[in-house]
């Protein structure tokens, strides 16, 4: 069965989702009001139908929000303001914190909301991102059916509202911040003429630290000596004219493990220690 989907708003990811839905015979609507020429071009290329926002909300069985995360609540509020008794499912698929996810759901009541998160690149050129879904079975099943036989994979992770958002941001906290760390680390090495040597060292490692959770207790046990080393790394960055805030933040995080010196902790115990702020020396 085909459906009518309202897309808010067709950026690179949204337009690619829209094109996938169109290829399966679904009607995809979008609202051009206030959108840029680049957005209009993407929407046209994907075969999306331009309509005013009230018509988009009224006609759609599913409203899919894929916009810059900072605008997610504003976009939801705009949709809520023109709601006319529709029973459309609102899929909040932006990278927002669970607390913001809850506020968005409250803005849209009584419209059913699915908590969703995209992990991966836009579904073009054979790429297959995964849309993680959390919410009531009836609504998540509908979204799974909607995207069946497209290049968008779906994965339902239960009915705990906020779970998909939490998964996305947990991954983002590592993936995107590690990219920033790579930039400042290489910048520091390059400033001292050892950029090639740094890359040679890094090339010897092919596995992500994120999968090595067994190392978390070892990190806790060594935090007492890693902290000062990280502070010296901050001094290196500052000396090279690079931002040092991430290093200071890492050292402050390690300080939460100060009482774990040389202890053989479990993963759960090490993580629990991160929840406890160190005593204020003042």
C-alpha atoms as a PDB file:
ATOM      1  CA  UNK A   1       0.000   0.000   0.000  1.00  0.00           C
ATOM      2  CA  UNK A   2       1.170   3.507  -0.774  1.00  0.00           C
ATOM      3  CA  UNK A   3       0.973   6.468   1.562  1.00  0.00           C
ATOM      4  CA  UNK A   4       1.327  10.231   1.590  1.00  0.00           C
ATOM      5  CA  UNK A   5       4.320  11.452   3.547  1.00  0.00           C
ATOM      6  CA  UNK A   6       5.014  15.028   4.587  1.00  0.00           C
ATOM      7  CA  UNK A   7       8.737  15.795   4.704  1.00  0.00           C
ATOM      8  CA  UNK A   8      10.072  18.548   6.970  1.00  0.00           C
ATOM      9  CA  UNK A   9      12.465  19.621   5.405  1.00  0.00           C
ATOM     10  CA  UNK A  10      14.385  18.188   2.423  1.00  0.00           C
ATOM     11  CA  UNK A  11      18.016  18.770   3.265  1.00  0.00           C
ATOM     12  CA  UNK A  12      20.587  16.304   1.958  1.00  0.00           C
ATOM     13  CA  UNK A  13      19.334  13.475   4.185  1.00  0.00           C
ATOM     14  CA  UNK A  14      15.650  14.380   3.893  1.00  0.00           C
ATOM     15  CA  UNK A  15      15.703  14.679   0.107  1.00  0.00           C
ATOM     16  CA  UNK A  16      17.400  11.276  -0.150  1.00  0.00           C
ATOM     17  CA  UNK A  17      14.724   9.747   2.091  1.00  0.00           C
ATOM     18  CA  UNK A  18      12.068  11.424  -0.041  1.00  0.00           C
ATOM     19  CA  UNK A  19      13.546  10.010  -3.231  1.00  0.00           C
ATOM     20  CA  UNK A  20      13.559   6.521  -1.719  1.00  0.00           C
ATOM     21  CA  UNK A  21       9.892   6.843  -0.752  1.00  0.00           C
ATOM     22  CA  UNK A  22       8.969   8.194  -4.178  1.00  0.00           C
ATOM     23  CA  UNK A  23      10.716   5.233  -5.831  1.00  0.00           C
ATOM     24  CA  UNK A  24       8.372   2.926  -3.885  1.00  0.00           C
ATOM     25  CA  UNK A  25       5.307   4.784  -5.181  1.00  0.00           C
ATOM     26  CA  UNK A  26       4.607   6.930  -2.124  1.00  0.00           C
ATOM     27  CA  UNK A  27       3.542  10.557  -2.475  1.00  0.00           C
ATOM     28  CA  UNK A  28       5.964  12.902  -0.701  1.00  0.00           C
ATOM     29  CA  UNK A  29       4.936  16.463   0.116  1.00  0.00           C
ATOM     30  CA  UNK A  30       7.144  19.313   1.251  1.00  0.00           C
ATOM     31  CA  UNK A  31       6.619  22.962   2.168  1.00  0.00           C
ATOM     32  CA  UNK A  32       8.720  25.468   0.170  1.00  0.00           C
ATOM     33  CA  UNK A  33       7.820  28.502   2.327  1.00  0.00           C
ATOM     34  CA  UNK A  34      11.026  30.169   3.490  1.00  0.00           C
ATOM     35  CA  UNK A  35      13.234  27.478   1.989  1.00  0.00           C
ATOM     36  CA  UNK A  36      16.413  28.213   0.049  1.00  0.00           C
ATOM     37  CA  UNK A  37      16.975  27.730  -3.671  1.00  0.00           C
ATOM     38  CA  UNK A  38      19.238  24.779  -2.844  1.00  0.00           C
ATOM     39  CA  UNK A  39      16.431  23.119  -0.904  1.00  0.00           C
ATOM     40  CA  UNK A  40      13.995  23.722  -3.754  1.00  0.00           C
ATOM     41  CA  UNK A  41      16.419  22.133  -6.200  1.00  0.00           C
ATOM     42  CA  UNK A  42      16.857  19.067  -3.990  1.00  0.00           C
ATOM     43  CA  UNK A  43      13.102  18.705  -3.598  1.00  0.00           C
ATOM     44  CA  UNK A  44      12.496  19.018  -7.334  1.00  0.00           C
ATOM     45  CA  UNK A  45      15.228  16.487  -8.124  1.00  0.00           C
ATOM     46  CA  UNK A  46      13.663  14.024  -5.672  1.00  0.00           C
ATOM     47  CA  UNK A  47      10.192  14.429  -7.202  1.00  0.00           C
ATOM     48  CA  UNK A  48       8.605  15.972  -4.110  1.00  0.00           C
ATOM     49  CA  UNK A  49       5.337  17.900  -4.352  1.00  0.00           C
ATOM     50  CA  UNK A  50       5.356  21.480  -2.988  1.00  0.00           C
ATOM     51  CA  UNK A  51       2.358  22.426  -0.826  1.00  0.00           C
ATOM     52  CA  UNK A  52       1.587  24.833   1.984  1.00  0.00           C
ATOM     53  CA  UNK A  53       2.253  23.539   5.497  1.00  0.00           C
ATOM     54  CA  UNK A  54      -1.433  23.174   6.491  1.00  0.00           C
ATOM     55  CA  UNK A  55      -2.083  21.025   3.400  1.00  0.00           C
ATOM     56  CA  UNK A  56       1.028  18.956   4.105  1.00  0.00           C
ATOM     57  CA  UNK A  57      -0.125  18.183   7.636  1.00  0.00           C
ATOM     58  CA  UNK A  58      -3.737  17.544   6.613  1.00  0.00           C
ATOM     59  CA  UNK A  59      -2.946  15.187   3.726  1.00  0.00           C
ATOM     60  CA  UNK A  60      -0.119  13.170   5.224  1.00  0.00           C
ATOM     61  CA  UNK A  61      -0.436   9.819   6.960  1.00  0.00           C
ATOM     62  CA  UNK A  62       3.167  10.229   8.148  1.00  0.00           C
ATOM     63  CA  UNK A  63       5.045  13.456   8.807  1.00  0.00           C
ATOM     64  CA  UNK A  64       8.811  12.932   8.810  1.00  0.00           C
ATOM     65  CA  UNK A  65      10.980  15.582  10.431  1.00  0.00           C
ATOM     66  CA  UNK A  66      14.564  15.596   9.136  1.00  0.00           C
ATOM     67  CA  UNK A  67      15.922  19.069   9.742  1.00  0.00           C
ATOM     68  CA  UNK A  68      18.898  20.680  11.512  1.00  0.00           C
ATOM     69  CA  UNK A  69      18.618  19.469  15.138  1.00  0.00           C
ATOM     70  CA  UNK A  70      18.598  23.009  16.514  1.00  0.00           C
ATOM     71  CA  UNK A  71      15.346  23.677  14.631  1.00  0.00           C
ATOM     72  CA  UNK A  72      13.556  20.445  15.623  1.00  0.00           C
ATOM     73  CA  UNK A  73      11.281  21.978  18.274  1.00  0.00           C
ATOM     74  CA  UNK A  74      10.432  24.989  16.119  1.00  0.00           C
ATOM     75  CA  UNK A  75       9.510  22.707  13.215  1.00  0.00           C
ATOM     76  CA  UNK A  76       7.340  20.559  15.495  1.00  0.00           C
ATOM     77  CA  UNK A  77       5.625  23.657  16.882  1.00  0.00           C
ATOM     78  CA  UNK A  78       4.855  24.871  13.352  1.00  0.00           C
ATOM     79  CA  UNK A  79       3.313  21.504  12.501  1.00  0.00           C
ATOM     80  CA  UNK A  80       1.319  21.502  15.734  1.00  0.00           C
ATOM     81  CA  UNK A  81      -0.007  25.002  15.033  1.00  0.00           C
ATOM     82  CA  UNK A  82      -1.676  23.936  11.764  1.00  0.00           C
ATOM     83  CA  UNK A  83      -2.926  20.565  12.969  1.00  0.00           C
ATOM     84  CA  UNK A  84      -6.562  20.047  11.986  1.00  0.00           C
ATOM     85  CA  UNK A  85      -7.547  16.838  13.692  1.00  0.00           C
ATOM     86  CA  UNK A  86      -5.206  14.712  11.610  1.00  0.00           C
ATOM     87  CA  UNK A  87      -4.125  11.355  12.983  1.00  0.00           C
ATOM     88  CA  UNK A  88      -0.822  11.384  11.097  1.00  0.00           C
ATOM     89  CA  UNK A  89       2.182   9.785  12.778  1.00  0.00           C
ATOM     90  CA  UNK A  90       4.921  12.334  13.453  1.00  0.00           C
ATOM     91  CA  UNK A  91       8.396  10.821  13.127  1.00  0.00           C
ATOM     92  CA  UNK A  92      10.968  12.939  14.961  1.00  0.00           C
ATOM     93  CA  UNK A  93      14.187  11.739  13.314  1.00  0.00           C
ATOM     94  CA  UNK A  94      16.604  14.489  14.301  1.00  0.00           C
ATOM     95  CA  UNK A  95      19.592  14.193  16.626  1.00  0.00           C
ATOM     96  CA  UNK A  96      17.973  15.608  19.752  1.00  0.00           C
ATOM     97  CA  UNK A  97      18.334  14.728  23.424  1.00  0.00           C
ATOM     98  CA  UNK A  98      15.614  12.558  25.007  1.00  0.00           C
ATOM     99  CA  UNK A  99      14.492  15.580  27.045  1.00  0.00           C
ATOM    100  CA  UNK A 100      13.908  17.559  23.832  1.00  0.00           C
ATOM    101  CA  UNK A 101      12.204  14.518  22.327  1.00  0.00           C
ATOM    102  CA  UNK A 102       9.756  14.604  25.226  1.00  0.00           C
ATOM    103  CA  UNK A 103       9.061  18.319  24.728  1.00  0.00           C
ATOM    104  CA  UNK A 104       8.408  17.754  21.022  1.00  0.00           C
ATOM    105  CA  UNK A 105       5.926  14.986  21.826  1.00  0.00           C
ATOM    106  CA  UNK A 106       4.164  17.294  24.285  1.00  0.00           C
ATOM    107  CA  UNK A 107       3.960  20.031  21.634  1.00  0.00           C
ATOM    108  CA  UNK A 108       2.238  17.617  19.250  1.00  0.00           C
ATOM    109  CA  UNK A 109      -0.229  15.938  21.622  1.00  0.00           C
ATOM    110  CA  UNK A 110      -2.464  14.076  20.865  1.00  0.00           C
ATOM    111  CA  UNK A 111      -0.662  13.229  17.597  1.00  0.00           C
ATOM    112  CA  UNK A 112       1.262   9.937  17.944  1.00  0.00           C
ATOM    113  CA  UNK A 113       5.015  10.540  17.849  1.00  0.00           C
ATOM    114  CA  UNK A 114       7.750   8.053  16.985  1.00  0.00           C
ATOM    115  CA  UNK A 115      11.212   8.648  18.403  1.00  0.00           C
ATOM    116  CA  UNK A 116      13.643   8.003  15.533  1.00  0.00           C
ATOM    117  CA  UNK A 117      17.296   8.462  14.660  1.00  0.00           C
ATOM    118  CA  UNK A 118      19.296   8.012  11.480  1.00  0.00           C
ATOM    119  CA  UNK A 119      22.747   6.439  11.665  1.00  0.00           C
ATOM    120  CA  UNK A 120      24.714   6.434   8.443  1.00  0.00           C
ATOM    121  CA  UNK A 121      25.016   8.451   5.247  1.00  0.00           C
ATOM    122  CA  UNK A 122      22.077   9.526   3.047  1.00  0.00           C
ATOM    123  CA  UNK A 123      20.606   6.598   1.065  1.00  0.00           C
ATOM    124  CA  UNK A 124      22.154   7.404  -2.296  1.00  0.00           C
ATOM    125  CA  UNK A 125      24.670   5.560  -4.428  1.00  0.00           C
ATOM    126  CA  UNK A 126      23.985   2.248  -2.730  1.00  0.00           C
ATOM    127  CA  UNK A 127      24.449   3.544   0.829  1.00  0.00           C
ATOM    128  CA  UNK A 128      22.072   2.025   3.374  1.00  0.00           C
ATOM    129  CA  UNK A 129      21.589   4.053   6.556  1.00  0.00           C
ATOM    130  CA  UNK A 130      19.589   2.652   9.457  1.00  0.00           C
ATOM    131  CA  UNK A 131      16.560   4.407  10.901  1.00  0.00           C
ATOM    132  CA  UNK A 132      16.240   3.373  14.551  1.00  0.00           C
ATOM    133  CA  UNK A 133      12.705   3.577  15.936  1.00  0.00           C
ATOM    134  CA  UNK A 134      11.246   3.660  19.432  1.00  0.00           C
ATOM    135  CA  UNK A 135       7.584   3.945  20.291  1.00  0.00           C
ATOM    136  CA  UNK A 136       4.290   2.126  20.283  1.00  0.00           C
ATOM    137  CA  UNK A 137       4.242  -1.035  18.166  1.00  0.00           C
ATOM    138  CA  UNK A 138       1.398   0.187  15.976  1.00  0.00           C
ATOM    139  CA  UNK A 139       3.302   3.313  14.946  1.00  0.00           C
ATOM    140  CA  UNK A 140       6.772   1.776  14.569  1.00  0.00           C
ATOM    141  CA  UNK A 141       5.345  -1.105  12.516  1.00  0.00           C
ATOM    142  CA  UNK A 142       3.781   1.455  10.194  1.00  0.00           C
ATOM    143  CA  UNK A 143       7.140   3.146   9.599  1.00  0.00           C
ATOM    144  CA  UNK A 144       8.855  -0.189   9.010  1.00  0.00           C
ATOM    145  CA  UNK A 145       6.239  -1.010   6.364  1.00  0.00           C
ATOM    146  CA  UNK A 146       6.565   2.446   4.812  1.00  0.00           C
ATOM    147  CA  UNK A 147      10.299   2.032   4.244  1.00  0.00           C
ATOM    148  CA  UNK A 148      10.221  -1.616   3.219  1.00  0.00           C
ATOM    149  CA  UNK A 149      12.167  -2.362   0.042  1.00  0.00           C
ATOM    150  CA  UNK A 150      13.987   0.976   0.155  1.00  0.00           C
ATOM    151  CA  UNK A 151      17.682   1.514   0.847  1.00  0.00           C
ATOM    152  CA  UNK A 152      16.775   2.727   4.344  1.00  0.00           C
ATOM    153  CA  UNK A 153      17.077  -0.054   6.895  1.00  0.00           C
ATOM    154  CA  UNK A 154      14.775   0.088   9.906  1.00  0.00           C
ATOM    155  CA  UNK A 155      15.462  -1.242  13.387  1.00  0.00           C
ATOM    156  CA  UNK A 156      12.889  -1.070  16.187  1.00  0.00           C
ATOM    157  CA  UNK A 157      14.546  -0.850  19.613  1.00  0.00           C
ATOM    158  CA  UNK A 158      11.454  -1.051  21.777  1.00  0.00           C
ATOM    159  CA  UNK A 159       8.774   1.244  23.110  1.00  0.00           C
ATOM    160  CA  UNK A 160      10.906   3.263  25.529  1.00  0.00           C
ATOM    161  CA  UNK A 161      10.445   6.817  24.349  1.00  0.00           C
ATOM    162  CA  UNK A 162      13.783   8.574  23.905  1.00  0.00           C
ATOM    163  CA  UNK A 163      15.753   5.371  23.324  1.00  0.00           C
ATOM    164  CA  UNK A 164      16.439   6.086  19.642  1.00  0.00           C
ATOM    165  CA  UNK A 165      17.501   9.644  20.427  1.00  0.00           C
ATOM    166  CA  UNK A 166      19.793   8.423  23.194  1.00  0.00           C
ATOM    167  CA  UNK A 167      21.381   5.852  20.883  1.00  0.00           C
ATOM    168  CA  UNK A 168      22.044   8.463  18.207  1.00  0.00           C
ATOM    169  CA  UNK A 169      23.613  10.982  20.583  1.00  0.00           C
ATOM    170  CA  UNK A 170      25.650   8.330  22.380  1.00  0.00           C
ATOM    171  CA  UNK A 171      27.132   7.394  19.024  1.00  0.00           C
ATOM    172  CA  UNK A 172      27.493  11.047  18.015  1.00  0.00           C
ATOM    173  CA  UNK A 173      29.323  11.860  21.249  1.00  0.00           C
ATOM    174  CA  UNK A 174      32.051   9.462  20.165  1.00  0.00           C
ATOM    175  CA  UNK A 175      32.001   9.670  16.389  1.00  0.00           C
ATOM    176  CA  UNK A 176      31.813  13.430  15.935  1.00  0.00           C
ATOM    177  CA  UNK A 177      33.953  14.426  18.909  1.00  0.00           C
ATOM    178  CA  UNK A 178      36.607  11.937  17.815  1.00  0.00           C
ATOM    179  CA  UNK A 179      36.690  13.758  14.477  1.00  0.00           C
ATOM    180  CA  UNK A 180      37.299  17.018  16.318  1.00  0.00           C
ATOM    181  CA  UNK A 181      40.015  15.390  18.416  1.00  0.00           C
ATOM    182  CA  UNK A 182      41.650  14.056  15.260  1.00  0.00           C
ATOM    183  CA  UNK A 183      41.744  17.587  13.849  1.00  0.00           C
ATOM    184  CA  UNK A 184      43.387  19.162  16.904  1.00  0.00           C
ATOM    185  CA  UNK A 185      45.768  16.213  17.411  1.00  0.00           C
ATOM    186  CA  UNK A 186      46.956  16.385  13.816  1.00  0.00           C
ATOM    187  CA  UNK A 187      47.103  20.166  14.023  1.00  0.00           C
ATOM    188  CA  UNK A 188      49.433  19.972  17.016  1.00  0.00           C
ATOM    189  CA  UNK A 189      51.657  17.351  15.394  1.00  0.00           C
ATOM    190  CA  UNK A 190      51.753  19.323  12.155  1.00  0.00           C
ATOM    191  CA  UNK A 191      52.729  22.495  14.012  1.00  0.00           C
ATOM    192  CA  UNK A 192      55.782  20.684  15.354  1.00  0.00           C
ATOM    193  CA  UNK A 193      56.630  19.046  12.033  1.00  0.00           C
ATOM    194  CA  UNK A 194      55.687  15.497  13.049  1.00  0.00           C
ATOM    195  CA  UNK A 195      52.349  15.112  11.249  1.00  0.00           C
ATOM    196  CA  UNK A 196      53.534  12.259   9.032  1.00  0.00           C
ATOM    197  CA  UNK A 197      54.891  10.351  12.016  1.00  0.00           C
ATOM    198  CA  UNK A 198      51.569  10.741  13.837  1.00  0.00           C
ATOM    199  CA  UNK A 199      49.704   9.301  10.859  1.00  0.00           C
ATOM    200  CA  UNK A 200      52.133   6.406  10.714  1.00  0.00           C
ATOM    201  CA  UNK A 201      51.414   5.578  14.367  1.00  0.00           C
ATOM    202  CA  UNK A 202      47.664   5.928  13.889  1.00  0.00           C
ATOM    203  CA  UNK A 203      47.653   3.724  10.785  1.00  0.00           C
ATOM    204  CA  UNK A 204      48.756   0.771  12.888  1.00  0.00           C
ATOM    205  CA  UNK A 205      45.363   0.765  14.590  1.00  0.00           C
ATOM    206  CA  UNK A 206      42.256  -0.261  12.651  1.00  0.00           C
ATOM    207  CA  UNK A 207      39.730  -0.981  15.402  1.00  0.00           C
ATOM    208  CA  UNK A 208      37.434   1.582  17.040  1.00  0.00           C
ATOM    209  CA  UNK A 209      37.998   2.295  20.709  1.00  0.00           C
ATOM    210  CA  UNK A 210      34.240   2.392  21.105  1.00  0.00           C
ATOM    211  CA  UNK A 211      33.937  -1.391  20.809  1.00  0.00           C
ATOM    212  CA  UNK A 212      36.596  -1.962  23.476  1.00  0.00           C
ATOM    213  CA  UNK A 213      34.408  -1.452  26.521  1.00  0.00           C
ATOM    214  CA  UNK A 214      36.518  -3.948  28.488  1.00  0.00           C
ATOM    215  CA  UNK A 215      39.153  -1.220  28.566  1.00  0.00           C
ATOM    216  CA  UNK A 216      36.909   1.167  30.511  1.00  0.00           C
ATOM    217  CA  UNK A 217      37.969  -0.227  33.950  1.00  0.00           C
ATOM    218  CA  UNK A 218      41.631  -0.027  32.901  1.00  0.00           C
ATOM    219  CA  UNK A 219      41.114   3.615  31.959  1.00  0.00           C
ATOM    220  CA  UNK A 220      39.578   4.262  35.371  1.00  0.00           C
ATOM    221  CA  UNK A 221      42.488   2.590  37.135  1.00  0.00           C
ATOM    222  CA  UNK A 222      45.011   4.685  35.211  1.00  0.00           C
ATOM    223  CA  UNK A 223      43.130   7.981  35.307  1.00  0.00           C
ATOM    224  CA  UNK A 224      45.290   9.329  38.145  1.00  0.00           C
ATOM    225  CA  UNK A 225      48.310   9.433  35.822  1.00  0.00           C
ATOM    226  CA  UNK A 226      46.487  10.022  32.550  1.00  0.00           C
ATOM    227  CA  UNK A 227      44.959  13.270  33.840  1.00  0.00           C
ATOM    228  CA  UNK A 228      48.258  15.182  34.194  1.00  0.00           C
ATOM    229  CA  UNK A 229      49.370  13.854  30.789  1.00  0.00           C
ATOM    230  CA  UNK A 230      46.197  15.185  29.214  1.00  0.00           C
ATOM    231  CA  UNK A 231      46.763  18.564  30.863  1.00  0.00           C
ATOM    232  CA  UNK A 232      50.209  18.652  29.238  1.00  0.00           C
ATOM    233  CA  UNK A 233      48.498  17.827  25.945  1.00  0.00           C
ATOM    234  CA  UNK A 234      46.303  20.875  26.551  1.00  0.00           C
ATOM    235  CA  UNK A 235      49.449  22.951  26.996  1.00  0.00           C
ATOM    236  CA  UNK A 236      50.807  21.551  23.713  1.00  0.00           C
ATOM    237  CA  UNK A 237      47.641  22.584  21.871  1.00  0.00           C
ATOM    238  CA  UNK A 238      47.608  26.036  23.454  1.00  0.00           C
ATOM    239  CA  UNK A 239      51.259  26.482  22.520  1.00  0.00           C
ATOM    240  CA  UNK A 240      50.395  25.674  18.913  1.00  0.00           C
ATOM    241  CA  UNK A 241      47.527  28.178  18.943  1.00  0.00           C
ATOM    242  CA  UNK A 242      44.883  25.426  18.906  1.00  0.00           C
ATOM    243  CA  UNK A 243      41.761  25.029  21.107  1.00  0.00           C
ATOM    244  CA  UNK A 244      42.563  23.199  24.350  1.00  0.00           C
ATOM    245  CA  UNK A 245      39.076  23.008  25.908  1.00  0.00           C
ATOM    246  CA  UNK A 246      38.519  19.361  24.923  1.00  0.00           C
ATOM    247  CA  UNK A 247      41.718  18.315  26.682  1.00  0.00           C
ATOM    248  CA  UNK A 248      40.764  20.156  29.866  1.00  0.00           C
ATOM    249  CA  UNK A 249      37.315  18.538  29.721  1.00  0.00           C
ATOM    250  CA  UNK A 250      38.895  15.102  29.312  1.00  0.00           C
ATOM    251  CA  UNK A 251      41.150  15.725  32.304  1.00  0.00           C
ATOM    252  CA  UNK A 252      38.138  16.794  34.373  1.00  0.00           C
ATOM    253  CA  UNK A 253      36.372  13.576  33.361  1.00  0.00           C
ATOM    254  CA  UNK A 254      39.385  11.490  34.355  1.00  0.00           C
ATOM    255  CA  UNK A 255      39.378  13.247  37.742  1.00  0.00           C
ATOM    256  CA  UNK A 256      36.110  11.483  38.523  1.00  0.00           C
ATOM    257  CA  UNK A 257      38.136   8.262  38.629  1.00  0.00           C
ATOM    258  CA  UNK A 258      40.782   9.602  41.024  1.00  0.00           C
ATOM    259  CA  UNK A 259      39.616   7.210  43.764  1.00  0.00           C
ATOM    260  CA  UNK A 260      39.940   4.243  41.389  1.00  0.00           C
ATOM    261  CA  UNK A 261      43.731   4.276  41.316  1.00  0.00           C
ATOM    262  CA  UNK A 262      45.066   0.815  40.399  1.00  0.00           C
ATOM    263  CA  UNK A 263      41.744  -0.846  41.309  1.00  0.00           C
ATOM    264  CA  UNK A 264      40.326  -3.848  39.458  1.00  0.00           C
ATOM    265  CA  UNK A 265      36.847  -2.497  38.771  1.00  0.00           C
ATOM    266  CA  UNK A 266      34.043  -3.992  36.720  1.00  0.00           C
ATOM    267  CA  UNK A 267      32.665  -2.037  33.783  1.00  0.00           C
ATOM    268  CA  UNK A 268      29.552  -1.219  35.822  1.00  0.00           C
ATOM    269  CA  UNK A 269      31.630   0.042  38.755  1.00  0.00           C
ATOM    270  CA  UNK A 270      33.800   2.187  36.501  1.00  0.00           C
ATOM    271  CA  UNK A 271      30.769   3.742  34.853  1.00  0.00           C
ATOM    272  CA  UNK A 272      29.094   4.338  38.211  1.00  0.00           C
ATOM    273  CA  UNK A 273      32.177   6.272  39.340  1.00  0.00           C
ATOM    274  CA  UNK A 274      31.725   8.638  36.406  1.00  0.00           C
ATOM    275  CA  UNK A 275      28.382   9.688  37.854  1.00  0.00           C
ATOM    276  CA  UNK A 276      30.023  10.959  41.063  1.00  0.00           C
ATOM    277  CA  UNK A 277      31.611  14.385  40.988  1.00  0.00           C
ATOM    278  CA  UNK A 278      34.949  14.663  42.785  1.00  0.00           C
ATOM    279  CA  UNK A 279      35.035  16.568  46.041  1.00  0.00           C
ATOM    280  CA  UNK A 280      35.491  20.326  45.651  1.00  0.00           C
ATOM    281  CA  UNK A 281      38.968  21.083  47.065  1.00  0.00           C
ATOM    282  CA  UNK A 282      37.816  24.554  48.072  1.00  0.00           C
END
